Amino acid sequence: MTLHVLVSGASGLIGRAVVESLAGAGHRITRLVRTSARAGEFRWHPLGGQLDLSSVAPVDAVVHLAGENVGARWSDERKRRIRDSRVRGTSLLSTAIAQLRPVPRVLVSASAIGIYGNRGDELLTESSPLGEPSDDFLASVCREWEAAADSARAAGIRVVHPRFGVVLSLSGGALERMLPVFRLGLGGRLGTGEQWMSWISLPDVAGIVARAVDDSSLAGAVNVTAPEPVTNREFTRALGAVLHRPTPFPVPAALLRAGLGAMSEGTVLASARVLPSRLLESGYRFRRADLASALRDVLAESQ
């Protein structure tokens, strides 16, 4: 069945892969954009509270991926933009689609595993307690981000929150920043290297979002991570092995804190050992379940 899918954040790393996957399955895509709209696009102003979807309807599904990049030093202003872009944008979109008649079948509204906070070696599933918002910026933002979809839930729309882990890609994210250093043989673990990295391949991200659109049994939180999380030390060794490079230069935690501030504690030094329990229960088959093969696939794209 062909669906009309409204997608925000379509130009981002995840958005591009998701749009390609959904369009490849035959669905019709309308992109929500903040610039002048072209064919197949519709303009919105998420921070200005401007969104009237009456001329776009009917909409069968909504995939909401828009949000300020968290991968830079967190000044007070940047933290405000990170929060506002997620919470205000989600609230606006959720309210707007709740007013459509008929309402869309599903809203897939992005979230992140940062919602669990820094949890050491604890195994985390969708039923695990969330991080304390008073102690953790990302945990606080993610709680508000997911709650901002309440208008859609109240209207009877099935809402799915894919909690994304570390996405492996050379077109954005952590791996893109790490690769030049590792290719020179200058890579190494971050801090102690004992913090857990819950990663996911980009093809699996696109496949999981498409599954969330189609599978009516999926609702609420869904951890979008591979079933085999690794420590940063293990990730470092795997990347070095795939590149055939040594990894002799660890980066001290103090240096990361000095360079990145609070962002280092909330991202590269934080530990989240997350399992995709809901996906495994649903029968989803991961395209890349082990790190070495995922890294080889990503690096092959750059050859």
C-alpha atoms as a PDB file:
ATOM      1  CA  MET A   1       0.000   0.000   0.000  1.00  0.00           C
ATOM      2  CA  THR A   2       1.342   3.415  -0.969  1.00  0.00           C
ATOM      3  CA  LEU A   3       1.388   5.883   1.928  1.00  0.00           C
ATOM      4  CA  HIS A   4       1.731   9.638   1.989  1.00  0.00           C
ATOM      5  CA  VAL A   5       4.547  10.260   4.485  1.00  0.00           C
ATOM      6  CA  LEU A   6       5.412  13.668   5.903  1.00  0.00           C
ATOM      7  CA  VAL A   7       9.105  13.864   6.898  1.00  0.00           C
ATOM      8  CA  SER A   8      10.916  16.539   8.904  1.00  0.00           C
ATOM      9  CA  GLY A   9      14.695  16.637   9.061  1.00  0.00           C
ATOM     10  CA  ALA A  10      14.807  14.999   5.628  1.00  0.00           C
ATOM     11  CA  SER A  11      18.129  16.641   4.716  1.00  0.00           C
ATOM     12  CA  GLY A  12      19.979  15.279   7.759  1.00  0.00           C
ATOM     13  CA  LEU A  13      22.095  12.148   8.026  1.00  0.00           C
ATOM     14  CA  ILE A  14      19.218   9.923   9.159  1.00  0.00           C
ATOM     15  CA  GLY A  15      16.597  11.798   7.159  1.00  0.00           C
ATOM     16  CA  ARG A  16      18.294  11.219   3.804  1.00  0.00           C
ATOM     17  CA  ALA A  17      18.551   7.475   4.425  1.00  0.00           C
ATOM     18  CA  VAL A  18      14.950   7.258   5.647  1.00  0.00           C
ATOM     19  CA  VAL A  19      13.546   9.170   2.675  1.00  0.00           C
ATOM     20  CA  GLU A  20      15.486   6.963   0.250  1.00  0.00           C
ATOM     21  CA  SER A  21      14.174   3.838   1.988  1.00  0.00           C
ATOM     22  CA  LEU A  22      10.549   4.979   2.104  1.00  0.00           C
ATOM     23  CA  ALA A  23      10.575   6.299  -1.462  1.00  0.00           C
ATOM     24  CA  GLY A  24      12.191   3.049  -2.611  1.00  0.00           C
ATOM     25  CA  ALA A  25       9.262   1.180  -1.075  1.00  0.00           C
ATOM     26  CA  GLY A  26       6.889   3.230  -3.235  1.00  0.00           C
ATOM     27  CA  HIS A  27       5.648   5.718  -0.645  1.00  0.00           C
ATOM     28  CA  ARG A  28       4.977   9.360  -1.530  1.00  0.00           C
ATOM     29  CA  ILE A  29       7.147  11.763   0.481  1.00  0.00           C
ATOM     30  CA  THR A  30       6.482  15.363   1.442  1.00  0.00           C
ATOM     31  CA  ARG A  31       9.445  17.033   3.154  1.00  0.00           C
ATOM     32  CA  LEU A  32       8.905  19.638   5.848  1.00  0.00           C
ATOM     33  CA  VAL A  33      11.461  22.396   5.256  1.00  0.00           C
ATOM     34  CA  ARG A  34      12.317  25.717   6.872  1.00  0.00           C
ATOM     35  CA  THR A  35      13.374  27.350   3.578  1.00  0.00           C
ATOM     36  CA  SER A  36      11.284  28.180   0.538  1.00  0.00           C
ATOM     37  CA  ALA A  37       9.381  25.068  -0.479  1.00  0.00           C
ATOM     38  CA  ARG A  38       9.933  23.385  -3.827  1.00  0.00           C
ATOM     39  CA  ALA A  39       8.053  20.472  -5.395  1.00  0.00           C
ATOM     40  CA  GLY A  40       7.495  17.741  -2.823  1.00  0.00           C
ATOM     41  CA  GLU A  41       8.150  20.114   0.072  1.00  0.00           C
ATOM     42  CA  PHE A  42       6.073  22.091   2.572  1.00  0.00           C
ATOM     43  CA  ARG A  43       7.388  25.002   4.604  1.00  0.00           C
ATOM     44  CA  TRP A  44       7.120  25.237   8.379  1.00  0.00           C
ATOM     45  CA  HIS A  45       8.576  27.459  11.085  1.00  0.00           C
ATOM     46  CA  PRO A  46       9.036  25.196  14.130  1.00  0.00           C
ATOM     47  CA  LEU A  47      10.403  27.816  16.519  1.00  0.00           C
ATOM     48  CA  GLY A  48       7.939  30.435  15.320  1.00  0.00           C
ATOM     49  CA  GLY A  49       4.970  28.149  15.888  1.00  0.00           C
ATOM     50  CA  GLN A  50       3.837  28.240  12.252  1.00  0.00           C
ATOM     51  CA  LEU A  51       2.443  25.078  10.693  1.00  0.00           C
ATOM     52  CA  ASP A  52      -0.865  24.669   8.864  1.00  0.00           C
ATOM     53  CA  LEU A  53      -1.142  21.244   7.244  1.00  0.00           C
ATOM     54  CA  SER A  54      -4.658  21.607   5.885  1.00  0.00           C
ATOM     55  CA  SER A  55      -3.405  21.901   2.303  1.00  0.00           C
ATOM     56  CA  VAL A  56      -1.137  18.847   2.664  1.00  0.00           C
ATOM     57  CA  ALA A  57      -3.740  16.399   3.952  1.00  0.00           C
ATOM     58  CA  PRO A  58      -4.483  13.559   3.856  1.00  0.00           C
ATOM     59  CA  VAL A  59      -1.309  12.337   5.537  1.00  0.00           C
ATOM     60  CA  ASP A  60      -0.931   8.648   6.370  1.00  0.00           C
ATOM     61  CA  ALA A  61       2.290   8.769   8.402  1.00  0.00           C
ATOM     62  CA  VAL A  62       4.673  11.332   9.858  1.00  0.00           C
ATOM     63  CA  VAL A  63       8.396  10.824  10.468  1.00  0.00           C
ATOM     64  CA  HIS A  64       9.838  13.591  12.634  1.00  0.00           C
ATOM     65  CA  LEU A  65      13.645  13.756  12.687  1.00  0.00           C
ATOM     66  CA  ALA A  66      14.432  17.472  12.921  1.00  0.00           C
ATOM     67  CA  GLY A  67      16.686  18.749  15.707  1.00  0.00           C
ATOM     68  CA  GLU A  68      19.830  20.787  16.390  1.00  0.00           C
ATOM     69  CA  ASN A  69      23.090  18.822  16.202  1.00  0.00           C
ATOM     70  CA  VAL A  70      24.398  17.921  19.687  1.00  0.00           C
ATOM     71  CA  GLY A  71      27.955  17.206  18.499  1.00  0.00           C
ATOM     72  CA  ALA A  72      29.628  20.487  19.447  1.00  0.00           C
ATOM     73  CA  ARG A  73      30.625  22.241  22.665  1.00  0.00           C
ATOM     74  CA  TRP A  74      27.523  23.086  24.685  1.00  0.00           C
ATOM     75  CA  SER A  75      27.328  26.790  25.387  1.00  0.00           C
ATOM     76  CA  ASP A  76      24.192  27.999  27.153  1.00  0.00           C
ATOM     77  CA  GLU A  77      22.898  29.245  23.808  1.00  0.00           C
ATOM     78  CA  ARG A  78      23.572  25.938  22.071  1.00  0.00           C
ATOM     79  CA  LYS A  79      21.846  24.005  24.858  1.00  0.00           C
ATOM     80  CA  ARG A  80      18.832  26.254  24.439  1.00  0.00           C
ATOM     81  CA  ARG A  81      18.786  25.561  20.676  1.00  0.00           C
ATOM     82  CA  ILE A  82      19.157  21.817  21.230  1.00  0.00           C
ATOM     83  CA  ARG A  83      16.195  21.779  23.602  1.00  0.00           C
ATOM     84  CA  ASP A  84      13.961  24.189  21.694  1.00  0.00           C
ATOM     85  CA  SER A  85      14.512  22.572  18.296  1.00  0.00           C
ATOM     86  CA  ARG A  86      13.366  19.247  19.682  1.00  0.00           C
ATOM     87  CA  VAL A  87      10.687  20.122  22.185  1.00  0.00           C
ATOM     88  CA  ARG A  88       9.006  23.075  20.498  1.00  0.00           C
ATOM     89  CA  GLY A  89       9.216  21.526  17.040  1.00  0.00           C
ATOM     90  CA  THR A  90       7.743  18.218  18.216  1.00  0.00           C
ATOM     91  CA  SER A  91       4.973  19.942  20.140  1.00  0.00           C
ATOM     92  CA  LEU A  92       4.022  22.057  17.121  1.00  0.00           C
ATOM     93  CA  LEU A  93       3.985  19.112  14.726  1.00  0.00           C
ATOM     94  CA  SER A  94       2.155  16.847  17.166  1.00  0.00           C
ATOM     95  CA  THR A  95      -0.571  19.426  17.717  1.00  0.00           C
ATOM     96  CA  ALA A  96      -0.908  20.120  13.990  1.00  0.00           C
ATOM     97  CA  ILE A  97      -1.365  16.488  12.948  1.00  0.00           C
ATOM     98  CA  ALA A  98      -3.794  15.874  15.815  1.00  0.00           C
ATOM     99  CA  GLN A  99      -6.082  18.430  14.182  1.00  0.00           C
ATOM    100  CA  LEU A 100      -6.121  16.715  10.779  1.00  0.00           C
ATOM    101  CA  ARG A 101      -9.149  14.706   9.676  1.00  0.00           C
ATOM    102  CA  PRO A 102      -8.516  11.909   9.365  1.00  0.00           C
ATOM    103  CA  VAL A 103      -5.503  11.859  11.639  1.00  0.00           C
ATOM    104  CA  PRO A 104      -2.357  10.067  10.406  1.00  0.00           C
ATOM    105  CA  ARG A 105      -1.969   6.434  11.385  1.00  0.00           C
ATOM    106  CA  VAL A 106       1.437   6.912  12.978  1.00  0.00           C
ATOM    107  CA  LEU A 107       3.940   9.492  14.174  1.00  0.00           C
ATOM    108  CA  VAL A 108       7.534   8.253  14.308  1.00  0.00           C
ATOM    109  CA  SER A 109       9.149  10.930  16.470  1.00  0.00           C
ATOM    110  CA  ALA A 110      12.892  10.705  17.047  1.00  0.00           C
ATOM    111  CA  SER A 111      14.530  10.362  20.439  1.00  0.00           C
ATOM    112  CA  ALA A 112      17.936   9.141  21.617  1.00  0.00           C
ATOM    113  CA  ILE A 113      19.529   6.693  24.040  1.00  0.00           C
ATOM    114  CA  GLY A 114      20.781   9.735  25.928  1.00  0.00           C
ATOM    115  CA  ILE A 115      17.451   9.462  27.740  1.00  0.00           C
ATOM    116  CA  TYR A 116      18.970   6.706  29.913  1.00  0.00           C
ATOM    117  CA  GLY A 117      21.838   8.879  31.157  1.00  0.00           C
ATOM    118  CA  ASN A 118      25.298   7.625  32.128  1.00  0.00           C
ATOM    119  CA  ARG A 119      24.662   4.088  33.422  1.00  0.00           C
ATOM    120  CA  GLY A 120      28.003   2.265  33.475  1.00  0.00           C
ATOM    121  CA  ASP A 121      27.710  -1.475  32.754  1.00  0.00           C
ATOM    122  CA  GLU A 122      23.956  -1.726  33.386  1.00  0.00           C
ATOM    123  CA  LEU A 123      22.018  -3.483  30.623  1.00  0.00           C
ATOM    124  CA  LEU A 124      19.324  -1.110  29.394  1.00  0.00           C
ATOM    125  CA  THR A 125      16.090  -1.981  27.605  1.00  0.00           C
ATOM    126  CA  GLU A 126      12.998   0.052  26.811  1.00  0.00           C
ATOM    127  CA  SER A 127      11.592  -0.840  30.245  1.00  0.00           C
ATOM    128  CA  SER A 128      14.646   0.429  32.156  1.00  0.00           C
ATOM    129  CA  PRO A 129      14.311   3.523  34.367  1.00  0.00           C
ATOM    130  CA  LEU A 130      15.264   6.746  32.617  1.00  0.00           C
ATOM    131  CA  GLY A 131      18.160   9.005  33.543  1.00  0.00           C
ATOM    132  CA  GLU A 132      17.664  11.678  36.166  1.00  0.00           C
ATOM    133  CA  PRO A 133      16.863  14.977  34.401  1.00  0.00           C
ATOM    134  CA  SER A 134      18.314  17.029  37.255  1.00  0.00           C
ATOM    135  CA  ASP A 135      21.749  15.476  36.685  1.00  0.00           C
ATOM    136  CA  ASP A 136      21.911  14.982  32.926  1.00  0.00           C
ATOM    137  CA  PHE A 137      21.184  17.507  30.164  1.00  0.00           C
ATOM    138  CA  LEU A 138      20.482  14.964  27.427  1.00  0.00           C
ATOM    139  CA  ALA A 139      18.286  12.835  29.678  1.00  0.00           C
ATOM    140  CA  SER A 140      16.283  15.939  30.507  1.00  0.00           C
ATOM    141  CA  VAL A 141      15.950  17.009  26.865  1.00  0.00           C
ATOM    142  CA  CYS A 142      14.950  13.526  25.710  1.00  0.00           C
ATOM    143  CA  ARG A 143      12.225  13.248  28.360  1.00  0.00           C
ATOM    144  CA  GLU A 144      10.711  16.548  27.225  1.00  0.00           C
ATOM    145  CA  TRP A 145      11.213  15.612  23.566  1.00  0.00           C
ATOM    146  CA  GLU A 146       9.170  12.429  23.904  1.00  0.00           C
ATOM    147  CA  ALA A 147       6.517  14.096  26.073  1.00  0.00           C
ATOM    148  CA  ALA A 148       6.056  16.783  23.396  1.00  0.00           C
ATOM    149  CA  ALA A 149       4.272  14.184  21.233  1.00  0.00           C
ATOM    150  CA  ASP A 150       1.451  13.830  23.773  1.00  0.00           C
ATOM    151  CA  SER A 151      -1.032  15.747  21.603  1.00  0.00           C
ATOM    152  CA  ALA A 152      -0.715  13.088  18.905  1.00  0.00           C
ATOM    153  CA  ARG A 153      -1.102  10.292  21.470  1.00  0.00           C
ATOM    154  CA  ALA A 154      -4.219  11.932  22.878  1.00  0.00           C
ATOM    155  CA  ALA A 155      -5.706  12.094  19.356  1.00  0.00           C
ATOM    156  CA  GLY A 156      -5.355   8.311  19.000  1.00  0.00           C
ATOM    157  CA  ILE A 157      -2.298   8.390  16.736  1.00  0.00           C
ATOM    158  CA  ARG A 158       0.166   5.539  17.225  1.00  0.00           C
ATOM    159  CA  VAL A 159       3.398   7.217  18.371  1.00  0.00           C
ATOM    160  CA  VAL A 160       6.789   5.514  18.103  1.00  0.00           C
ATOM    161  CA  HIS A 161       9.938   6.982  19.654  1.00  0.00           C
ATOM    162  CA  PRO A 162      13.040   5.478  18.017  1.00  0.00           C
ATOM    163  CA  ARG A 163      15.810   6.023  20.570  1.00  0.00           C
ATOM    164  CA  PHE A 164      18.824   6.291  18.286  1.00  0.00           C
ATOM    165  CA  GLY A 165      22.260   5.113  19.316  1.00  0.00           C
ATOM    166  CA  VAL A 166      25.581   6.080  17.696  1.00  0.00           C
ATOM    167  CA  VAL A 167      24.921   5.976  13.949  1.00  0.00           C
ATOM    168  CA  LEU A 168      27.875   4.732  11.874  1.00  0.00           C
ATOM    169  CA  SER A 169      28.332   6.875   8.780  1.00  0.00           C
ATOM    170  CA  LEU A 170      30.993   8.853   6.943  1.00  0.00           C
ATOM    171  CA  SER A 171      28.450  11.574   6.147  1.00  0.00           C
ATOM    172  CA  GLY A 172      28.062  12.835   9.694  1.00  0.00           C
ATOM    173  CA  GLY A 173      28.312  11.830  13.325  1.00  0.00           C
ATOM    174  CA  ALA A 174      31.115  10.489  15.499  1.00  0.00           C
ATOM    175  CA  LEU A 175      32.730   8.118  12.995  1.00  0.00           C
ATOM    176  CA  GLU A 176      33.195  10.841  10.396  1.00  0.00           C
ATOM    177  CA  ARG A 177      35.123  12.946  12.950  1.00  0.00           C
ATOM    178  CA  MET A 178      37.198  10.003  14.192  1.00  0.00           C
ATOM    179  CA  LEU A 179      38.220   8.516  10.868  1.00  0.00           C
ATOM    180  CA  PRO A 180      40.952  10.961   9.708  1.00  0.00           C
ATOM    181  CA  VAL A 181      42.861  10.509  12.990  1.00  0.00           C
ATOM    182  CA  PHE A 182      42.524   6.721  12.923  1.00  0.00           C
ATOM    183  CA  ARG A 183      43.626   6.543   9.285  1.00  0.00           C
ATOM    184  CA  LEU A 184      46.862   8.266  10.301  1.00  0.00           C
ATOM    185  CA  GLY A 185      47.443   5.623  12.969  1.00  0.00           C
ATOM    186  CA  LEU A 186      46.945   8.212  15.716  1.00  0.00           C
ATOM    187  CA  GLY A 187      43.663   6.919  17.134  1.00  0.00           C
ATOM    188  CA  GLY A 188      43.036   5.593  20.602  1.00  0.00           C
ATOM    189  CA  ARG A 189      40.429   5.022  23.259  1.00  0.00           C
ATOM    190  CA  LEU A 190      38.598   7.940  24.845  1.00  0.00           C
ATOM    191  CA  GLY A 191      39.138   8.277  28.578  1.00  0.00           C
ATOM    192  CA  THR A 192      39.286   4.849  30.198  1.00  0.00           C
ATOM    193  CA  GLY A 193      37.650   3.262  27.171  1.00  0.00           C
ATOM    194  CA  GLU A 194      35.338   1.293  29.465  1.00  0.00           C
ATOM    195  CA  GLN A 195      32.234   3.330  28.586  1.00  0.00           C
ATOM    196  CA  TRP A 196      29.722   1.454  26.458  1.00  0.00           C
ATOM    197  CA  MET A 197      28.930   2.567  22.897  1.00  0.00           C
ATOM    198  CA  SER A 198      25.566   1.423  21.588  1.00  0.00           C
ATOM    199  CA  TRP A 199      25.979   1.730  17.827  1.00  0.00           C
ATOM    200  CA  ILE A 200      23.760   1.149  14.806  1.00  0.00           C
ATOM    201  CA  SER A 201      24.399   0.982  11.062  1.00  0.00           C
ATOM    202  CA  LEU A 202      22.721   3.582   8.867  1.00  0.00           C
ATOM    203  CA  PRO A 203      20.962   0.966   6.680  1.00  0.00           C
ATOM    204  CA  ASP A 204      19.458  -0.504   9.848  1.00  0.00           C
ATOM    205  CA  VAL A 205      18.335   2.948  10.979  1.00  0.00           C
ATOM    206  CA  ALA A 206      16.442   3.386   7.716  1.00  0.00           C
ATOM    207  CA  GLY A 207      15.032  -0.138   7.897  1.00  0.00           C
ATOM    208  CA  ILE A 208      13.875   0.288  11.491  1.00  0.00           C
ATOM    209  CA  VAL A 209      12.137   3.607  10.822  1.00  0.00           C
ATOM    210  CA  ALA A 210      10.378   2.043   7.834  1.00  0.00           C
ATOM    211  CA  ARG A 211       9.385  -0.885  10.077  1.00  0.00           C
ATOM    212  CA  ALA A 212       7.995   1.559  12.655  1.00  0.00           C
ATOM    213  CA  VAL A 213       5.842   3.177   9.981  1.00  0.00           C
ATOM    214  CA  ASP A 214       4.409  -0.148   8.798  1.00  0.00           C
ATOM    215  CA  ASP A 215       4.250  -2.316  11.943  1.00  0.00           C
ATOM    216  CA  SER A 216       1.179  -1.469  14.010  1.00  0.00           C
ATOM    217  CA  SER A 217       2.508  -3.536  16.929  1.00  0.00           C
ATOM    218  CA  LEU A 218       5.315  -1.035  17.541  1.00  0.00           C
ATOM    219  CA  ALA A 219       4.429   1.880  19.792  1.00  0.00           C
ATOM    220  CA  GLY A 220       6.232   3.901  22.424  1.00  0.00           C
ATOM    221  CA  ALA A 221       9.986   3.636  22.932  1.00  0.00           C
ATOM    222  CA  VAL A 222      12.057   1.506  20.544  1.00  0.00           C
ATOM    223  CA  ASN A 223      15.815   1.278  21.068  1.00  0.00           C
ATOM    224  CA  VAL A 224      17.519   1.710  17.703  1.00  0.00           C
ATOM    225  CA  THR A 225      20.837   0.044  18.478  1.00  0.00           C
ATOM    226  CA  ALA A 226      22.591  -3.090  17.272  1.00  0.00           C
ATOM    227  CA  PRO A 227      22.181  -6.161  19.506  1.00  0.00           C
ATOM    228  CA  GLU A 228      25.911  -6.210  20.345  1.00  0.00           C
ATOM    229  CA  PRO A 229      26.977  -2.955  22.060  1.00  0.00           C
ATOM    230  CA  VAL A 230      30.727  -2.558  22.638  1.00  0.00           C
ATOM    231  CA  THR A 231      32.953  -0.562  24.942  1.00  0.00           C
ATOM    232  CA  ASN A 232      34.879   2.364  23.521  1.00  0.00           C
ATOM    233  CA  ARG A 233      38.037   0.295  23.942  1.00  0.00           C
ATOM    234  CA  GLU A 234      36.526  -2.495  21.815  1.00  0.00           C
ATOM    235  CA  PHE A 235      35.272   0.005  19.240  1.00  0.00           C
ATOM    236  CA  THR A 236      38.758   1.513  19.009  1.00  0.00           C
ATOM    237  CA  ARG A 237      40.358  -1.883  18.433  1.00  0.00           C
ATOM    238  CA  ALA A 238      37.762  -2.860  15.821  1.00  0.00           C
ATOM    239  CA  LEU A 239      38.168   0.375  13.861  1.00  0.00           C
ATOM    240  CA  GLY A 240      41.964   0.077  13.981  1.00  0.00           C
ATOM    241  CA  ALA A 241      41.799  -3.535  12.792  1.00  0.00           C
ATOM    242  CA  VAL A 242      39.486  -2.732   9.875  1.00  0.00           C
ATOM    243  CA  LEU A 243      41.795   0.135   8.843  1.00  0.00           C
ATOM    244  CA  HIS A 244      44.956  -1.938   9.508  1.00  0.00           C
ATOM    245  CA  ARG A 245      46.260   0.849  11.709  1.00  0.00           C
ATOM    246  CA  PRO A 246      47.578   0.902  15.281  1.00  0.00           C
ATOM    247  CA  THR A 247      45.565   2.713  17.971  1.00  0.00           C
ATOM    248  CA  PRO A 248      48.284   3.735  20.444  1.00  0.00           C
ATOM    249  CA  PHE A 249      47.188   7.190  21.559  1.00  0.00           C
ATOM    250  CA  PRO A 250      44.436   7.317  24.212  1.00  0.00           C
ATOM    251  CA  VAL A 251      42.772  10.672  24.778  1.00  0.00           C
ATOM    252  CA  PRO A 252      42.643  11.472  28.515  1.00  0.00           C
ATOM    253  CA  ALA A 253      39.225  12.314  29.916  1.00  0.00           C
ATOM    254  CA  ALA A 254      40.611  15.558  31.328  1.00  0.00           C
ATOM    255  CA  LEU A 255      41.629  16.661  27.836  1.00  0.00           C
ATOM    256  CA  LEU A 256      38.182  15.868  26.475  1.00  0.00           C
ATOM    257  CA  ARG A 257      36.544  17.816  29.288  1.00  0.00           C
ATOM    258  CA  ALA A 258      38.841  20.766  28.641  1.00  0.00           C
ATOM    259  CA  GLY A 259      38.103  20.783  24.923  1.00  0.00           C
ATOM    260  CA  LEU A 260      34.440  19.848  24.835  1.00  0.00           C
ATOM    261  CA  GLY A 261      33.161  20.836  28.277  1.00  0.00           C
ATOM    262  CA  ALA A 262      29.901  19.282  29.460  1.00  0.00           C
ATOM    263  CA  MET A 263      29.294  17.815  26.006  1.00  0.00           C
ATOM    264  CA  SER A 264      32.077  15.286  26.619  1.00  0.00           C
ATOM    265  CA  GLU A 265      30.395  13.997  29.796  1.00  0.00           C
ATOM    266  CA  GLY A 266      27.021  13.693  28.091  1.00  0.00           C
ATOM    267  CA  THR A 267      28.273  11.990  24.921  1.00  0.00           C
ATOM    268  CA  VAL A 268      31.758  10.521  24.372  1.00  0.00           C
ATOM    269  CA  LEU A 269      32.457   9.706  28.045  1.00  0.00           C
ATOM    270  CA  ALA A 270      28.915   8.618  28.934  1.00  0.00           C
ATOM    271  CA  SER A 271      28.179   4.889  29.131  1.00  0.00           C
ATOM    272  CA  ALA A 272      24.924   3.398  27.850  1.00  0.00           C
ATOM    273  CA  ARG A 273      24.792  -0.378  27.251  1.00  0.00           C
ATOM    274  CA  VAL A 274      21.521  -0.480  25.348  1.00  0.00           C
ATOM    275  CA  LEU A 275      19.761  -3.536  23.933  1.00  0.00           C
ATOM    276  CA  PRO A 276      17.085  -3.372  21.176  1.00  0.00           C
ATOM    277  CA  SER A 277      14.630  -5.616  23.005  1.00  0.00           C
ATOM    278  CA  ARG A 278      11.471  -4.382  21.265  1.00  0.00           C
ATOM    279  CA  LEU A 279      12.977  -4.874  17.810  1.00  0.00           C
ATOM    280  CA  LEU A 280      14.208  -8.363  18.613  1.00  0.00           C
ATOM    281  CA  GLU A 281      10.781  -9.291  19.988  1.00  0.00           C
ATOM    282  CA  SER A 282       9.152  -7.958  16.809  1.00  0.00           C
ATOM    283  CA  GLY A 283      11.319 -10.219  14.643  1.00  0.00           C
ATOM    284  CA  TYR A 284      13.342  -7.434  13.032  1.00  0.00           C
ATOM    285  CA  ARG A 285      16.426  -8.876  11.310  1.00  0.00           C
ATOM    286  CA  PHE A 286      19.430  -6.612  11.582  1.00  0.00           C
ATOM    287  CA  ARG A 287      21.343  -6.039   8.382  1.00  0.00           C
ATOM    288  CA  ARG A 288      24.542  -5.453  10.340  1.00  0.00           C
ATOM    289  CA  ALA A 289      24.566  -6.982  13.828  1.00  0.00           C
ATOM    290  CA  ASP A 290      28.333  -7.106  14.384  1.00  0.00           C
ATOM    291  CA  LEU A 291      30.611  -4.081  14.502  1.00  0.00           C
ATOM    292  CA  ALA A 292      33.420  -5.297  12.239  1.00  0.00           C
ATOM    293  CA  SER A 293      31.126  -5.975   9.270  1.00  0.00           C
ATOM    294  CA  ALA A 294      29.298  -2.672   9.833  1.00  0.00           C
ATOM    295  CA  LEU A 295      32.594  -0.756   9.816  1.00  0.00           C
ATOM    296  CA  ARG A 296      33.814  -2.562   6.702  1.00  0.00           C
ATOM    297  CA  ASP A 297      30.595  -1.643   4.885  1.00  0.00           C
ATOM    298  CA  VAL A 298      30.866   2.006   5.891  1.00  0.00           C
ATOM    299  CA  LEU A 299      34.530   2.268   4.906  1.00  0.00           C
ATOM    300  CA  ALA A 300      33.861   0.565   1.572  1.00  0.00           C
ATOM    301  CA  GLU A 301      31.665   3.532   0.674  1.00  0.00           C
ATOM    302  CA  SER A 302      34.718   5.827   0.828  1.00  0.00           C
ATOM    303  CA  GLN A 303      36.859   3.749  -1.525  1.00  0.00           C
END
